[in-house]
Structure formats: structure tokens, C-alpha cells
Amino acid sequence: MNEKEFATVATHVHDARKPLNRISMQAELVKMALDGDVPPERAKQALDKIIISTKDCSEALTTMMEALSNSQPE
């Protein structure tokens, strides 16, 4: 893997990590709601954000795979 390819992969990994971090933070909110530390409505909102973030992560990974497959020699 050359430097340009590595930079491309690094960018895609970063793009996939962003929604994963959002998922983690929102899951913590749900956990706090289950413990009674935040209102149940906040948990529902967090779950909606988790669902959106999983879709964002899936899209980022699909984009990365497409970019990698396009860079492969035939």
C-alpha cells in the first residue's frame, strides 16, 4: 500500500469512527435513563440517534469498500 492509498484508507476509517463514537455516547445516555439518571424521553431520542449513526457507519464502510475495490489493479 502506497502513501496515497494509506491516506485514503485513514480518511475512510476516520469517517467510520465518527458515527461509532456517536453510537457509544448515545448508548451511555440510554444506560443513564435505565438507571433513572435522565428522563425516558432522552433515552428514546438517543435510540433514534443510534439508529441514524449505525446507518451512517454502514454508509461510510460501504464507501470505503468501494474506494478500495476501485483502487485494486485488474
N, C-alpha and C. Protein backbone atom coordinates (compact mmCIF):
# COMPACT_ATOMS: atom_id res chain seq x y z
N MET A 1 0.85 -1.16 0.00
CA MET A 1 0.00 0.00 0.00
C MET A 1 0.90 1.24 0.00
N ASN A 2 0.66 2.10 -0.95
CA ASN A 2 1.47 3.31 -1.01
C ASN A 2 0.90 4.38 -0.08
N GLU A 3 1.60 5.51 0.00
CA GLU A 3 1.23 6.57 0.94
C GLU A 3 -0.15 7.16 0.62
N LYS A 4 -0.44 7.33 -0.65
CA LYS A 4 -1.74 7.89 -1.04
C LYS A 4 -2.87 6.94 -0.68
N GLU A 5 -2.68 5.65 -0.94
CA GLU A 5 -3.70 4.67 -0.58
C GLU A 5 -3.91 4.62 0.93
N PHE A 6 -2.80 4.68 1.67
CA PHE A 6 -2.90 4.66 3.13
C PHE A 6 -3.68 5.88 3.62
N ALA A 7 -3.42 7.04 3.05
CA ALA A 7 -4.14 8.26 3.45
C ALA A 7 -5.63 8.13 3.15
N THR A 8 -5.96 7.51 2.03
CA THR A 8 -7.36 7.31 1.68
C THR A 8 -8.03 6.39 2.68
N VAL A 9 -7.37 5.29 3.01
CA VAL A 9 -7.93 4.35 4.00
C VAL A 9 -8.08 5.04 5.35
N ALA A 10 -7.08 5.81 5.75
CA ALA A 10 -7.14 6.51 7.03
C ALA A 10 -8.33 7.47 7.08
N THR A 11 -8.60 8.14 5.98
CA THR A 11 -9.75 9.04 5.92
C THR A 11 -11.05 8.27 6.08
N HIS A 12 -11.16 7.14 5.40
CA HIS A 12 -12.37 6.33 5.50
C HIS A 12 -12.55 5.76 6.90
N VAL A 13 -11.48 5.35 7.53
CA VAL A 13 -11.56 4.82 8.90
C VAL A 13 -12.04 5.93 9.83
N HIS A 14 -11.51 7.13 9.65
CA HIS A 14 -11.95 8.27 10.46
C HIS A 14 -13.44 8.52 10.26
N ASP A 15 -13.89 8.45 9.01
CA ASP A 15 -15.30 8.68 8.70
C ASP A 15 -16.20 7.61 9.33
N ALA A 16 -15.70 6.40 9.48
CA ALA A 16 -16.47 5.33 10.13
C ALA A 16 -16.45 5.48 11.65
N ARG A 17 -15.38 6.01 12.18
CA ARG A 17 -15.28 6.16 13.64
C ARG A 17 -16.21 7.23 14.18
N LYS A 18 -16.47 8.26 13.41
CA LYS A 18 -17.34 9.35 13.88
C LYS A 18 -18.71 8.81 14.30
N PRO A 19 -19.41 8.06 13.44
CA PRO A 19 -20.72 7.55 13.88
C PRO A 19 -20.58 6.52 15.01
N LEU A 20 -19.49 5.77 15.03
CA LEU A 20 -19.30 4.83 16.13
C LEU A 20 -19.17 5.55 17.47
N ASN A 21 -18.48 6.67 17.47
CA ASN A 21 -18.37 7.46 18.69
C ASN A 21 -19.73 8.02 19.11
N ARG A 22 -20.54 8.46 18.13
CA ARG A 22 -21.88 8.94 18.45
C ARG A 22 -22.72 7.82 19.04
N ILE A 23 -22.60 6.61 18.48
CA ILE A 23 -23.34 5.46 19.00
C ILE A 23 -22.97 5.21 20.46
N SER A 24 -21.69 5.24 20.74
CA SER A 24 -21.22 5.00 22.10
C SER A 24 -21.77 6.03 23.07
N MET A 25 -21.72 7.30 22.70
CA MET A 25 -22.22 8.35 23.58
C MET A 25 -23.73 8.22 23.81
N GLN A 26 -24.46 7.91 22.76
CA GLN A 26 -25.91 7.78 22.89
C GLN A 26 -26.28 6.54 23.71
N ALA A 27 -25.51 5.47 23.57
CA ALA A 27 -25.76 4.27 24.38
C ALA A 27 -25.56 4.58 25.86
N GLU A 28 -24.59 5.43 26.17
CA GLU A 28 -24.38 5.84 27.56
C GLU A 28 -25.61 6.60 28.08
N LEU A 29 -26.21 7.43 27.24
CA LEU A 29 -27.43 8.13 27.65
C LEU A 29 -28.57 7.16 27.93
N VAL A 30 -28.71 6.15 27.09
CA VAL A 30 -29.75 5.14 27.31
C VAL A 30 -29.50 4.43 28.64
N LYS A 31 -28.27 4.08 28.89
CA LYS A 31 -27.91 3.43 30.14
C LYS A 31 -28.27 4.32 31.34
N MET A 32 -27.96 5.61 31.23
CA MET A 32 -28.30 6.54 32.30
C MET A 32 -29.81 6.63 32.51
N ALA A 33 -30.56 6.58 31.40
CA ALA A 33 -32.02 6.62 31.51
C ALA A 33 -32.54 5.38 32.20
N LEU A 34 -31.96 4.23 31.89
CA LEU A 34 -32.39 3.00 32.55
C LEU A 34 -32.08 3.02 34.04
N ASP A 35 -31.02 3.73 34.41
CA ASP A 35 -30.66 3.88 35.82
C ASP A 35 -31.49 4.97 36.50
N GLY A 36 -32.29 5.70 35.71
CA GLY A 36 -33.13 6.75 36.27
C GLY A 36 -32.44 8.10 36.38
N ASP A 37 -31.25 8.22 35.79
CA ASP A 37 -30.50 9.47 35.88
C ASP A 37 -30.94 10.53 34.88
N VAL A 38 -31.58 10.11 33.79
CA VAL A 38 -32.11 11.07 32.80
C VAL A 38 -33.52 10.62 32.43
N PRO A 39 -34.35 11.54 31.93
CA PRO A 39 -35.74 11.19 31.59
C PRO A 39 -35.80 10.16 30.46
N PRO A 40 -36.84 9.31 30.48
CA PRO A 40 -37.02 8.30 29.42
C PRO A 40 -37.06 8.89 28.02
N GLU A 41 -37.58 10.11 27.89
CA GLU A 41 -37.63 10.73 26.56
C GLU A 41 -36.23 10.92 25.98
N ARG A 42 -35.27 11.21 26.82
CA ARG A 42 -33.88 11.35 26.36
C ARG A 42 -33.37 10.02 25.84
N ALA A 43 -33.79 8.92 26.47
CA ALA A 43 -33.38 7.59 26.00
C ALA A 43 -33.96 7.32 24.62
N LYS A 44 -35.21 7.69 24.41
CA LYS A 44 -35.83 7.49 23.10
C LYS A 44 -35.10 8.29 22.02
N GLN A 45 -34.75 9.52 22.35
CA GLN A 45 -34.00 10.36 21.41
C GLN A 45 -32.63 9.74 21.13
N ALA A 46 -32.00 9.23 22.17
CA ALA A 46 -30.68 8.60 22.00
C ALA A 46 -30.78 7.38 21.10
N LEU A 47 -31.84 6.60 21.27
CA LEU A 47 -32.01 5.41 20.42
C LEU A 47 -32.21 5.80 18.96
N ASP A 48 -32.95 6.87 18.72
CA ASP A 48 -33.11 7.36 17.35
C ASP A 48 -31.76 7.75 16.76
N LYS A 49 -30.93 8.42 17.56
CA LYS A 49 -29.60 8.82 17.09
C LYS A 49 -28.70 7.61 16.85
N ILE A 50 -28.86 6.57 17.67
CA ILE A 50 -28.08 5.34 17.47
C ILE A 50 -28.44 4.72 16.12
N ILE A 51 -29.73 4.67 15.83
CA ILE A 51 -30.18 4.09 14.56
C ILE A 51 -29.61 4.87 13.38
N ILE A 52 -29.67 6.20 13.45
CA ILE A 52 -29.12 7.04 12.38
C ILE A 52 -27.62 6.83 12.26
N SER A 53 -26.93 6.76 13.38
CA SER A 53 -25.47 6.62 13.37
C SER A 53 -25.05 5.27 12.81
N THR A 54 -25.82 4.22 13.08
CA THR A 54 -25.45 2.91 12.51
C THR A 54 -25.58 2.95 10.99
N LYS A 55 -26.58 3.66 10.50
CA LYS A 55 -26.73 3.80 9.05
C LYS A 55 -25.57 4.61 8.47
N ASP A 56 -25.17 5.68 9.18
CA ASP A 56 -24.03 6.49 8.73
C ASP A 56 -22.76 5.65 8.68
N CYS A 57 -22.57 4.83 9.70
CA CYS A 57 -21.38 3.98 9.75
C CYS A 57 -21.39 2.97 8.61
N SER A 58 -22.54 2.38 8.37
CA SER A 58 -22.66 1.41 7.28
C SER A 58 -22.34 2.07 5.94
N GLU A 59 -22.84 3.28 5.74
CA GLU A 59 -22.56 4.01 4.50
C GLU A 59 -21.07 4.32 4.37
N ALA A 60 -20.45 4.71 5.48
CA ALA A 60 -19.01 5.01 5.45
C ALA A 60 -18.20 3.77 5.10
N LEU A 61 -18.60 2.63 5.65
CA LEU A 61 -17.88 1.38 5.35
C LEU A 61 -18.11 0.95 3.90
N THR A 62 -19.31 1.14 3.40
CA THR A 62 -19.59 0.82 2.00
C THR A 62 -18.76 1.69 1.08
N THR A 63 -18.69 2.97 1.39
CA THR A 63 -17.86 3.90 0.60
C THR A 63 -16.41 3.47 0.63
N MET A 64 -15.93 3.07 1.80
CA MET A 64 -14.54 2.63 1.92
C MET A 64 -14.30 1.39 1.06
N MET A 65 -15.20 0.44 1.12
CA MET A 65 -15.03 -0.78 0.33
C MET A 65 -15.05 -0.48 -1.17
N GLU A 66 -15.92 0.42 -1.57
CA GLU A 66 -15.97 0.80 -2.99
C GLU A 66 -14.67 1.46 -3.41
N ALA A 67 -14.16 2.34 -2.56
CA ALA A 67 -12.90 3.02 -2.88
C ALA A 67 -11.75 2.03 -2.96
N LEU A 68 -11.73 1.07 -2.04
CA LEU A 68 -10.67 0.08 -2.06
C LEU A 68 -10.77 -0.84 -3.27
N SER A 69 -11.99 -1.22 -3.62
CA SER A 69 -12.14 -2.11 -4.77
C SER A 69 -11.82 -1.39 -6.06
N ASN A 70 -12.07 -0.08 -6.12
CA ASN A 70 -11.74 0.69 -7.31
C ASN A 70 -10.24 0.92 -7.46
N SER A 71 -9.51 0.81 -6.36
CA SER A 71 -8.06 1.04 -6.41
C SER A 71 -7.26 -0.23 -6.69
N GLN A 72 -7.94 -1.37 -6.74
CA GLN A 72 -7.27 -2.63 -7.00
C GLN A 72 -6.96 -2.77 -8.50
N PRO A 73 -5.74 -3.20 -8.81
CA PRO A 73 -5.43 -3.43 -10.22
C PRO A 73 -6.22 -4.62 -10.77
N GLU A 74 -6.55 -4.54 -12.04
CA GLU A 74 -7.34 -5.62 -12.64
C GLU A 74 -6.49 -6.68 -13.24
